[in-house]
């Protein structure tokens, strides 16, 4: 199967326009049934802490479920999820090919500018999609290797990242994604946005990385799709040959709730 990162240039706070763009891009992919598509962080609104803008996308889950079902694909989409009490979480939904929501991952590590308006997650999700076990993460989570390590210990083989990572720290993005793949002997497929908004410019750089840390496909600053053809034999062979994961000292890691789906 293929993992495909869809790099988008979202229109600021325009849910209708962004849904039209997302729908068109997925139609143009000619995705095969069972492929796993990854969209960027808050792909319907662009990254924002504006509650009024986030509220415009109240039916996000239903809309993305219909898209996944129509194409018979797995779909991961970043969105602002309204929580009990009126706050939002910066979340990523994972929807199966039948349109069923398999899990909603809530960003554990909030960027400083998010902390007044978003509620942080407290769990990780590891999802068995048949071909591989995947772990969805969101943007700033990339800077915290302990989160990735705990997920790898729980069985994660492919990390799927939805992001809105700004150009000013683009080399951090490129370096850290490769480091996370190498450390955890896992594949990474990361979808970043491109373009600009009122506060940031984005360099894109969506990327597919194999378990040895090699960039197999990488976008520039324009809208583009990035593909990772998952190779089970390569991943299993590397993990069997090189014992880094087996040599981890679990006593040095913390604990957190892991939802296994």
C-alpha atoms as a PDB file:
ATOM      1  CA  UNK A   1       0.000   0.000   0.000  1.00  0.00           C
ATOM      2  CA  UNK A   2       0.965   3.647  -0.289  1.00  0.00           C
ATOM      3  CA  UNK A   3       1.096   6.408   2.275  1.00  0.00           C
ATOM      4  CA  UNK A   4       0.485   9.776   0.598  1.00  0.00           C
ATOM      5  CA  UNK A   5       1.092  13.200   2.167  1.00  0.00           C
ATOM      6  CA  UNK A   6      -1.001  15.921   0.535  1.00  0.00           C
ATOM      7  CA  UNK A   7       0.734  19.302   0.823  1.00  0.00           C
ATOM      8  CA  UNK A   8      -1.848  22.095   0.700  1.00  0.00           C
ATOM      9  CA  UNK A   9      -1.877  25.891   0.696  1.00  0.00           C
ATOM     10  CA  UNK A  10      -5.016  26.594   2.748  1.00  0.00           C
ATOM     11  CA  UNK A  11      -7.068  29.747   2.396  1.00  0.00           C
ATOM     12  CA  UNK A  12      -7.074  31.632   5.698  1.00  0.00           C
ATOM     13  CA  UNK A  13     -10.254  30.826   7.668  1.00  0.00           C
ATOM     14  CA  UNK A  14     -12.197  29.738   4.553  1.00  0.00           C
ATOM     15  CA  UNK A  15     -13.615  26.267   5.244  1.00  0.00           C
ATOM     16  CA  UNK A  16     -15.647  26.092   2.022  1.00  0.00           C
ATOM     17  CA  UNK A  17     -12.698  26.974  -0.220  1.00  0.00           C
ATOM     18  CA  UNK A  18     -10.341  24.611   1.600  1.00  0.00           C
ATOM     19  CA  UNK A  19     -12.756  21.697   1.406  1.00  0.00           C
ATOM     20  CA  UNK A  20     -13.120  22.281  -2.310  1.00  0.00           C
ATOM     21  CA  UNK A  21      -9.339  22.237  -2.704  1.00  0.00           C
ATOM     22  CA  UNK A  22      -8.922  19.110  -0.584  1.00  0.00           C
ATOM     23  CA  UNK A  23     -11.663  17.282  -2.455  1.00  0.00           C
ATOM     24  CA  UNK A  24     -10.142  18.225  -5.822  1.00  0.00           C
ATOM     25  CA  UNK A  25      -6.652  17.170  -4.758  1.00  0.00           C
ATOM     26  CA  UNK A  26      -7.874  13.771  -3.578  1.00  0.00           C
ATOM     27  CA  UNK A  27      -9.828  13.285  -6.796  1.00  0.00           C
ATOM     28  CA  UNK A  28      -6.668  14.054  -8.802  1.00  0.00           C
ATOM     29  CA  UNK A  29      -4.567  11.576  -6.822  1.00  0.00           C
ATOM     30  CA  UNK A  30      -6.234   8.552  -8.332  1.00  0.00           C
ATOM     31  CA  UNK A  31      -5.702   6.936  -4.938  1.00  0.00           C
ATOM     32  CA  UNK A  32      -6.036   3.179  -4.774  1.00  0.00           C
ATOM     33  CA  UNK A  33      -8.425   1.537  -2.289  1.00  0.00           C
ATOM     34  CA  UNK A  34      -6.623   1.050   1.015  1.00  0.00           C
ATOM     35  CA  UNK A  35      -4.070   3.855   0.530  1.00  0.00           C
ATOM     36  CA  UNK A  36      -3.411   6.058   3.583  1.00  0.00           C
ATOM     37  CA  UNK A  37      -3.714   9.804   2.931  1.00  0.00           C
ATOM     38  CA  UNK A  38      -2.313  12.426   5.320  1.00  0.00           C
ATOM     39  CA  UNK A  39      -3.441  16.056   5.323  1.00  0.00           C
ATOM     40  CA  UNK A  40      -1.771  18.926   7.213  1.00  0.00           C
ATOM     41  CA  UNK A  41      -2.631  20.365  10.621  1.00  0.00           C
ATOM     42  CA  UNK A  42      -5.971  22.262  10.687  1.00  0.00           C
ATOM     43  CA  UNK A  43      -6.268  21.758   6.956  1.00  0.00           C
ATOM     44  CA  UNK A  44      -9.784  23.248   6.709  1.00  0.00           C
ATOM     45  CA  UNK A  45      -9.027  26.622   8.304  1.00  0.00           C
ATOM     46  CA  UNK A  46      -5.218  26.926   8.277  1.00  0.00           C
ATOM     47  CA  UNK A  47      -3.589  26.865  11.705  1.00  0.00           C
ATOM     48  CA  UNK A  48      -5.449  29.300  13.940  1.00  0.00           C
ATOM     49  CA  UNK A  49      -6.457  29.915  17.543  1.00  0.00           C
ATOM     50  CA  UNK A  50      -9.500  31.933  16.445  1.00  0.00           C
ATOM     51  CA  UNK A  51     -12.507  30.184  17.985  1.00  0.00           C
ATOM     52  CA  UNK A  52     -14.917  31.786  15.520  1.00  0.00           C
ATOM     53  CA  UNK A  53     -12.911  30.401  12.582  1.00  0.00           C
ATOM     54  CA  UNK A  54     -12.632  26.946  14.142  1.00  0.00           C
ATOM     55  CA  UNK A  55     -16.372  26.907  14.765  1.00  0.00           C
ATOM     56  CA  UNK A  56     -17.027  27.222  11.036  1.00  0.00           C
ATOM     57  CA  UNK A  57     -15.903  23.596  10.605  1.00  0.00           C
ATOM     58  CA  UNK A  58     -18.202  21.952  13.148  1.00  0.00           C
ATOM     59  CA  UNK A  59     -19.058  18.988  10.870  1.00  0.00           C
ATOM     60  CA  UNK A  60     -15.449  18.138  10.045  1.00  0.00           C
ATOM     61  CA  UNK A  61     -15.680  14.477  11.046  1.00  0.00           C
ATOM     62  CA  UNK A  62     -18.748  13.828   8.909  1.00  0.00           C
ATOM     63  CA  UNK A  63     -17.245  15.611   5.909  1.00  0.00           C
ATOM     64  CA  UNK A  64     -13.949  13.750   5.991  1.00  0.00           C
ATOM     65  CA  UNK A  65     -15.717  10.445   6.676  1.00  0.00           C
ATOM     66  CA  UNK A  66     -17.698  10.875   3.466  1.00  0.00           C
ATOM     67  CA  UNK A  67     -14.497  11.578   1.508  1.00  0.00           C
ATOM     68  CA  UNK A  68     -12.728   8.488   2.892  1.00  0.00           C
ATOM     69  CA  UNK A  69     -15.729   6.272   2.177  1.00  0.00           C
ATOM     70  CA  UNK A  70     -16.174   7.595  -1.364  1.00  0.00           C
ATOM     71  CA  UNK A  71     -12.551   6.789  -2.253  1.00  0.00           C
ATOM     72  CA  UNK A  72     -12.109   3.681  -0.085  1.00  0.00           C
ATOM     73  CA  UNK A  73      -9.005   5.125   1.573  1.00  0.00           C
ATOM     74  CA  UNK A  74      -7.595   5.718   5.019  1.00  0.00           C
ATOM     75  CA  UNK A  75      -7.635   9.431   5.750  1.00  0.00           C
ATOM     76  CA  UNK A  76      -5.834  11.471   8.412  1.00  0.00           C
ATOM     77  CA  UNK A  77      -6.872  15.106   8.686  1.00  0.00           C
ATOM     78  CA  UNK A  78      -5.825  17.782  11.162  1.00  0.00           C
ATOM     79  CA  UNK A  79      -8.694  19.832  12.582  1.00  0.00           C
ATOM     80  CA  UNK A  80      -9.802  21.944  15.526  1.00  0.00           C
ATOM     81  CA  UNK A  81     -11.897  19.641  17.707  1.00  0.00           C
ATOM     82  CA  UNK A  82     -14.434  21.250  20.036  1.00  0.00           C
ATOM     83  CA  UNK A  83     -14.231  19.764  23.524  1.00  0.00           C
ATOM     84  CA  UNK A  84     -16.561  19.754  26.507  1.00  0.00           C
ATOM     85  CA  UNK A  85     -16.468  23.198  28.143  1.00  0.00           C
ATOM     86  CA  UNK A  86     -15.965  25.132  24.916  1.00  0.00           C
ATOM     87  CA  UNK A  87     -12.215  24.727  24.459  1.00  0.00           C
ATOM     88  CA  UNK A  88     -10.703  23.093  21.393  1.00  0.00           C
ATOM     89  CA  UNK A  89      -8.027  20.478  20.899  1.00  0.00           C
ATOM     90  CA  UNK A  90      -5.585  20.567  18.016  1.00  0.00           C
ATOM     91  CA  UNK A  91      -6.420  17.099  16.744  1.00  0.00           C
ATOM     92  CA  UNK A  92      -5.953  14.622  13.914  1.00  0.00           C
ATOM     93  CA  UNK A  93      -8.739  12.237  13.000  1.00  0.00           C
ATOM     94  CA  UNK A  94      -7.993   8.859  11.417  1.00  0.00           C
ATOM     95  CA  UNK A  95     -10.826   7.463   9.311  1.00  0.00           C
ATOM     96  CA  UNK A  96     -10.993   4.008   7.767  1.00  0.00           C
ATOM     97  CA  UNK A  97     -11.909   3.183   4.154  1.00  0.00           C
ATOM     98  CA  UNK A  98     -15.492   2.480   5.214  1.00  0.00           C
ATOM     99  CA  UNK A  99     -15.842   6.004   6.631  1.00  0.00           C
ATOM    100  CA  UNK A 100     -15.607   4.896  10.263  1.00  0.00           C
ATOM    101  CA  UNK A 101     -13.604   7.082  12.636  1.00  0.00           C
ATOM    102  CA  UNK A 102     -10.916   4.805  14.051  1.00  0.00           C
ATOM    103  CA  UNK A 103      -9.426   7.325  16.464  1.00  0.00           C
ATOM    104  CA  UNK A 104      -8.942  11.016  17.161  1.00  0.00           C
ATOM    105  CA  UNK A 105      -5.443  11.908  18.315  1.00  0.00           C
ATOM    106  CA  UNK A 106      -5.101  15.125  20.336  1.00  0.00           C
ATOM    107  CA  UNK A 107      -1.795  16.976  20.114  1.00  0.00           C
ATOM    108  CA  UNK A 108       0.123  16.301  23.322  1.00  0.00           C
ATOM    109  CA  UNK A 109       2.649  19.121  23.094  1.00  0.00           C
ATOM    110  CA  UNK A 110       1.062  22.518  22.534  1.00  0.00           C
ATOM    111  CA  UNK A 111       3.089  25.367  21.115  1.00  0.00           C
ATOM    112  CA  UNK A 112       3.211  28.349  23.523  1.00  0.00           C
ATOM    113  CA  UNK A 113       0.745  30.352  21.408  1.00  0.00           C
ATOM    114  CA  UNK A 114      -1.783  27.482  21.616  1.00  0.00           C
ATOM    115  CA  UNK A 115      -1.921  27.024  25.369  1.00  0.00           C
ATOM    116  CA  UNK A 116      -4.576  29.601  26.195  1.00  0.00           C
ATOM    117  CA  UNK A 117      -7.122  28.281  23.722  1.00  0.00           C
ATOM    118  CA  UNK A 118      -6.375  24.586  23.228  1.00  0.00           C
ATOM    119  CA  UNK A 119      -6.600  21.603  25.523  1.00  0.00           C
ATOM    120  CA  UNK A 120      -3.607  19.264  25.293  1.00  0.00           C
ATOM    121  CA  UNK A 121      -4.012  15.552  24.704  1.00  0.00           C
ATOM    122  CA  UNK A 122      -2.779  12.988  27.207  1.00  0.00           C
ATOM    123  CA  UNK A 123      -2.730   9.791  25.128  1.00  0.00           C
ATOM    124  CA  UNK A 124      -1.029   8.200  22.150  1.00  0.00           C
ATOM    125  CA  UNK A 125      -2.805   6.142  19.490  1.00  0.00           C
ATOM    126  CA  UNK A 126      -1.344   3.109  17.731  1.00  0.00           C
ATOM    127  CA  UNK A 127      -3.602   1.835  14.955  1.00  0.00           C
ATOM    128  CA  UNK A 128      -3.283  -1.487  13.156  1.00  0.00           C
ATOM    129  CA  UNK A 129      -4.359  -0.758   9.582  1.00  0.00           C
ATOM    130  CA  UNK A 130      -3.550  -4.283   8.437  1.00  0.00           C
ATOM    131  CA  UNK A 131      -0.367  -3.581   6.505  1.00  0.00           C
ATOM    132  CA  UNK A 132       1.335  -1.723   9.361  1.00  0.00           C
ATOM    133  CA  UNK A 133       0.804  -0.180  12.764  1.00  0.00           C
ATOM    134  CA  UNK A 134       0.685   3.589  12.531  1.00  0.00           C
ATOM    135  CA  UNK A 135       0.933   6.423  15.044  1.00  0.00           C
ATOM    136  CA  UNK A 136      -0.579   9.828  14.157  1.00  0.00           C
ATOM    137  CA  UNK A 137       1.123  12.928  15.589  1.00  0.00           C
ATOM    138  CA  UNK A 138       0.768  16.695  15.123  1.00  0.00           C
ATOM    139  CA  UNK A 139       3.465  19.298  14.360  1.00  0.00           C
ATOM    140  CA  UNK A 140       5.190  20.409  17.621  1.00  0.00           C
ATOM    141  CA  UNK A 141       5.083  16.774  18.847  1.00  0.00           C
ATOM    142  CA  UNK A 142       8.072  16.333  16.536  1.00  0.00           C
ATOM    143  CA  UNK A 143      10.403  18.021  19.027  1.00  0.00           C
ATOM    144  CA  UNK A 144       9.792  15.479  21.806  1.00  0.00           C
ATOM    145  CA  UNK A 145      11.555  12.167  21.097  1.00  0.00           C
ATOM    146  CA  UNK A 146      10.186  10.507  24.227  1.00  0.00           C
ATOM    147  CA  UNK A 147       6.682  10.601  22.728  1.00  0.00           C
ATOM    148  CA  UNK A 148       7.879   8.814  19.607  1.00  0.00           C
ATOM    149  CA  UNK A 149       9.910   6.287  21.579  1.00  0.00           C
ATOM    150  CA  UNK A 150       6.960   5.300  23.734  1.00  0.00           C
ATOM    151  CA  UNK A 151       4.869   4.854  20.591  1.00  0.00           C
ATOM    152  CA  UNK A 152       7.574   2.715  18.965  1.00  0.00           C
ATOM    153  CA  UNK A 153       7.716   0.537  22.081  1.00  0.00           C
ATOM    154  CA  UNK A 154       3.951   0.109  21.728  1.00  0.00           C
ATOM    155  CA  UNK A 155       4.372  -1.207  18.188  1.00  0.00           C
ATOM    156  CA  UNK A 156       4.319   1.860  15.917  1.00  0.00           C
ATOM    157  CA  UNK A 157       5.976   1.176  12.552  1.00  0.00           C
ATOM    158  CA  UNK A 158       4.880   4.211  10.537  1.00  0.00           C
ATOM    159  CA  UNK A 159       4.526   7.697  12.024  1.00  0.00           C
ATOM    160  CA  UNK A 160       1.999   9.891  10.211  1.00  0.00           C
ATOM    161  CA  UNK A 161       2.471  13.597  10.913  1.00  0.00           C
ATOM    162  CA  UNK A 162       0.036  16.443  10.214  1.00  0.00           C
ATOM    163  CA  UNK A 163       1.735  19.821  10.475  1.00  0.00           C
ATOM    164  CA  UNK A 164       1.816  23.574   9.888  1.00  0.00           C
ATOM    165  CA  UNK A 165       5.557  24.065  10.425  1.00  0.00           C
ATOM    166  CA  UNK A 166       6.821  27.566   9.536  1.00  0.00           C
ATOM    167  CA  UNK A 167       9.638  28.371   7.137  1.00  0.00           C
ATOM    168  CA  UNK A 168      11.753  30.093   9.776  1.00  0.00           C
ATOM    169  CA  UNK A 169      12.472  26.695  11.395  1.00  0.00           C
ATOM    170  CA  UNK A 170      12.336  24.591   8.242  1.00  0.00           C
ATOM    171  CA  UNK A 171      15.757  22.990   8.686  1.00  0.00           C
ATOM    172  CA  UNK A 172      14.668  21.816  12.147  1.00  0.00           C
ATOM    173  CA  UNK A 173      11.696  20.114  10.459  1.00  0.00           C
ATOM    174  CA  UNK A 174      13.905  18.315   7.956  1.00  0.00           C
ATOM    175  CA  UNK A 175      16.480  17.217  10.518  1.00  0.00           C
ATOM    176  CA  UNK A 176      14.120  16.121  13.279  1.00  0.00           C
ATOM    177  CA  UNK A 177      11.914  14.004  11.017  1.00  0.00           C
ATOM    178  CA  UNK A 178      14.952  12.040   9.829  1.00  0.00           C
ATOM    179  CA  UNK A 179      16.196  11.700  13.415  1.00  0.00           C
ATOM    180  CA  UNK A 180      12.837  10.333  14.598  1.00  0.00           C
ATOM    181  CA  UNK A 181      12.844   7.748  11.799  1.00  0.00           C
ATOM    182  CA  UNK A 182      16.416   6.648  12.585  1.00  0.00           C
ATOM    183  CA  UNK A 183      15.889   6.524  16.356  1.00  0.00           C
ATOM    184  CA  UNK A 184      12.773   4.395  16.112  1.00  0.00           C
ATOM    185  CA  UNK A 185      13.642   2.342  13.027  1.00  0.00           C
ATOM    186  CA  UNK A 186      10.286   3.425  11.666  1.00  0.00           C
ATOM    187  CA  UNK A 187       8.940   5.020   8.502  1.00  0.00           C
ATOM    188  CA  UNK A 188       7.687   8.597   8.559  1.00  0.00           C
ATOM    189  CA  UNK A 189       5.187  10.276   6.255  1.00  0.00           C
ATOM    190  CA  UNK A 190       4.726  13.955   7.094  1.00  0.00           C
ATOM    191  CA  UNK A 191       2.295  16.435   5.511  1.00  0.00           C
ATOM    192  CA  UNK A 192       3.137  20.097   5.985  1.00  0.00           C
ATOM    193  CA  UNK A 193       1.297  23.086   4.593  1.00  0.00           C
ATOM    194  CA  UNK A 194       2.810  25.624   2.217  1.00  0.00           C
ATOM    195  CA  UNK A 195       2.035  29.253   1.392  1.00  0.00           C
ATOM    196  CA  UNK A 196       1.552  31.977   3.974  1.00  0.00           C
ATOM    197  CA  UNK A 197      -0.909  33.313   6.550  1.00  0.00           C
ATOM    198  CA  UNK A 198      -1.031  36.620   8.485  1.00  0.00           C
ATOM    199  CA  UNK A 199       1.762  35.521  10.836  1.00  0.00           C
ATOM    200  CA  UNK A 200       3.943  32.962   9.040  1.00  0.00           C
ATOM    201  CA  UNK A 201       5.365  31.762   5.750  1.00  0.00           C
ATOM    202  CA  UNK A 202       5.595  28.005   5.145  1.00  0.00           C
ATOM    203  CA  UNK A 203       8.171  26.145   3.090  1.00  0.00           C
ATOM    204  CA  UNK A 204       6.208  22.916   2.679  1.00  0.00           C
ATOM    205  CA  UNK A 205       8.739  20.114   2.712  1.00  0.00           C
ATOM    206  CA  UNK A 206       6.270  17.259   3.126  1.00  0.00           C
ATOM    207  CA  UNK A 207       8.369  14.129   3.128  1.00  0.00           C
ATOM    208  CA  UNK A 208       8.478  10.329   3.038  1.00  0.00           C
ATOM    209  CA  UNK A 209      11.291   8.696   5.029  1.00  0.00           C
ATOM    210  CA  UNK A 210      12.099   5.004   5.343  1.00  0.00           C
ATOM    211  CA  UNK A 211      13.172   3.150   8.487  1.00  0.00           C
ATOM    212  CA  UNK A 212      16.848   3.735   7.710  1.00  0.00           C
ATOM    213  CA  UNK A 213      16.295   7.497   7.690  1.00  0.00           C
ATOM    214  CA  UNK A 214      16.503   7.987   3.921  1.00  0.00           C
ATOM    215  CA  UNK A 215      14.297  10.658   2.354  1.00  0.00           C
ATOM    216  CA  UNK A 216      12.500   8.829  -0.439  1.00  0.00           C
ATOM    217  CA  UNK A 217      10.363  11.736  -1.611  1.00  0.00           C
ATOM    218  CA  UNK A 218      10.307  15.387  -0.521  1.00  0.00           C
ATOM    219  CA  UNK A 219       8.279  18.394  -1.623  1.00  0.00           C
ATOM    220  CA  UNK A 220       9.450  21.919  -2.249  1.00  0.00           C
ATOM    221  CA  UNK A 221       7.373  24.985  -1.294  1.00  0.00           C
ATOM    222  CA  UNK A 222       4.493  24.363  -3.715  1.00  0.00           C
ATOM    223  CA  UNK A 223       1.414  22.162  -3.540  1.00  0.00           C
ATOM    224  CA  UNK A 224       2.464  18.592  -4.184  1.00  0.00           C
ATOM    225  CA  UNK A 225       1.776  15.004  -3.132  1.00  0.00           C
ATOM    226  CA  UNK A 226       4.460  12.841  -1.527  1.00  0.00           C
ATOM    227  CA  UNK A 227       4.339   9.039  -1.635  1.00  0.00           C
ATOM    228  CA  UNK A 228       5.789   6.349   0.608  1.00  0.00           C
ATOM    229  CA  UNK A 229       5.436   2.806  -0.726  1.00  0.00           C
ATOM    230  CA  UNK A 230       5.521   0.821   2.498  1.00  0.00           C
ATOM    231  CA  UNK A 231       8.044  -2.035   2.358  1.00  0.00           C
ATOM    232  CA  UNK A 232       7.346  -4.602   5.057  1.00  0.00           C
ATOM    233  CA  UNK A 233      10.412  -6.705   4.256  1.00  0.00           C
ATOM    234  CA  UNK A 234      12.742  -3.704   4.448  1.00  0.00           C
ATOM    235  CA  UNK A 235      11.402  -2.557   7.828  1.00  0.00           C
ATOM    236  CA  UNK A 236      11.390  -6.027   9.387  1.00  0.00           C
ATOM    237  CA  UNK A 237      14.814  -6.819   7.965  1.00  0.00           C
ATOM    238  CA  UNK A 238      16.398  -3.632   9.329  1.00  0.00           C
ATOM    239  CA  UNK A 239      14.879  -4.094  12.779  1.00  0.00           C
ATOM    240  CA  UNK A 240      16.062  -7.716  12.882  1.00  0.00           C
ATOM    241  CA  UNK A 241      19.568  -6.830  11.691  1.00  0.00           C
ATOM    242  CA  UNK A 242      20.185  -3.799  13.914  1.00  0.00           C
ATOM    243  CA  UNK A 243      19.179  -4.151  17.556  1.00  0.00           C
ATOM    244  CA  UNK A 244      18.580  -0.537  18.648  1.00  0.00           C
ATOM    245  CA  UNK A 245      14.922  -1.042  19.594  1.00  0.00           C
ATOM    246  CA  UNK A 246      15.718  -4.235  21.470  1.00  0.00           C
ATOM    247  CA  UNK A 247      18.434  -2.415  23.448  1.00  0.00           C
ATOM    248  CA  UNK A 248      16.118   0.276  24.852  1.00  0.00           C
ATOM    249  CA  UNK A 249      16.035   0.549  28.641  1.00  0.00           C
ATOM    250  CA  UNK A 250      12.350   0.803  29.440  1.00  0.00           C
ATOM    251  CA  UNK A 251      13.152   2.038  32.947  1.00  0.00           C
ATOM    252  CA  UNK A 252      14.382   5.303  31.445  1.00  0.00           C
ATOM    253  CA  UNK A 253      11.045   6.002  29.745  1.00  0.00           C
ATOM    254  CA  UNK A 254       7.920   7.447  31.292  1.00  0.00           C
ATOM    255  CA  UNK A 255       4.411   6.043  31.032  1.00  0.00           C
ATOM    256  CA  UNK A 256       1.312   7.297  29.266  1.00  0.00           C
ATOM    257  CA  UNK A 257      -2.003   5.942  28.102  1.00  0.00           C
ATOM    258  CA  UNK A 258      -1.819   4.296  24.680  1.00  0.00           C
ATOM    259  CA  UNK A 259      -4.988   3.568  22.753  1.00  0.00           C
ATOM    260  CA  UNK A 260      -4.528   0.465  20.589  1.00  0.00           C
ATOM    261  CA  UNK A 261      -6.990   0.227  17.705  1.00  0.00           C
END
